[in-house]
């Protein structure tokens, strides 16, 4: 029997501790490597689109150059047209459209067949690199209450509508929508020609200044353009969207839009009818003015009112044919006075639309001119006929007392002027 030597208990324990430490260190290194590998794979998966991996040279930059933005306005409704305050309540949508040559297909965006739409990559949308994503904003400058925010909703991020050809290559067509609703101030509204007035409403759309500066230290201002993208697209597709006003020639295309009734007509506001609408680009290109031309429907309401005034004046003129008698002046003047008071009442009671307007309008001038005609022409003519053809102090025979040179002829019932030897009222008597 032979006994084997055994290590001391202290040496055995130290050996075990050393082996465990080596195993733990190796395990930690493997876990760290696995975490880095998983993180790298996730980043590559998020930034890889269409099988093309994200590279540093694919990073976009809009610090010194950025796309020009086209503005399209869609009017939903008009209300509260105020001639006194010169304002109107408008509910409308603003579409911003632009093409971006920096976005590359398969790298910055791709077409999702499942959703049937283009999608911008997450790497672009959530990039923390300054000036790496173009996301414009606009606001309405001519709000009725200064500083009031009439924005009711907007797209936080743009979406891709389609691809268009620019310089021989396909570029992404991006869009962003803003919904505004509130009262805007329109200084061009003028009621002086009421009811034949035509008013121009304006929506002044201004591009918000983008954050940061260019490398030259200049502000980054948004440049606005006419809506050529949507106009070209609608004309090429002969697009006719139900529920919106359309041009007669579909091939021309519709630059701006207006919500239409079921019969296809465009509704204005109150008596004001939409005559035309369109946009004007300012010289600075930092603002875009959308204009609405409204024309009042004056027929038949105000045409009938004007006709009634004319008939009243004609009725007053018929008093000139009242027969000669002792009470001819009172009969004639009673007719004239009745018409005169009727015109005064009609002129004083202004239509509700202009009741609070502080200045005279065409409607007021027309009524006043009728009053002037009745008072100065008809009434004076009646007095002239009475004095000349009947006489203030009428008597029979020669030298009636009216004048030493005149006498009253009982057969002709006229006063003859002896010196001039002519009859004052011969035509009237005939």
Foldseek 3Di string as FASTA:
>chain_A
DDDDDDDDPVVVVVVVVVVVVVVVVVVVVVVVVVVVVVVVVVVQVLQFFQNRGDDPVLQAAPQPHDWAKEKAKEWEAKEDCALAQQKIKTKIKIKIKTWDPSQDERGQWYQDPVVRFIDGGPCQVPPPDPRRHDDWDKAWCQASDPPDGQWPDWDPHWGFDAWDDDPRDTITMIMIMTIGTHMGHAPQRDQQAPPFDKGKGKTKMFIDWDDDHHPVRHTRAHFYDHQPPQQCVQLVVLDDDPQWADDPRSNRGDRYIYGADNVRAGDHYDQWHWDDKDKDQDPVRRMIMIMTMTGGDCPPPVVVVLVVLVVLLVQLQCLLLQDDDPCSLVSSVVSLVVSLVVLVVVLLPDDPSCPPPPDHHPSNVSSVVSNCCSVPPSNVSSVVCCCFFQNPQADADQPSVRDNQWGADPVQSGIARNPVRDTPCPVVSD
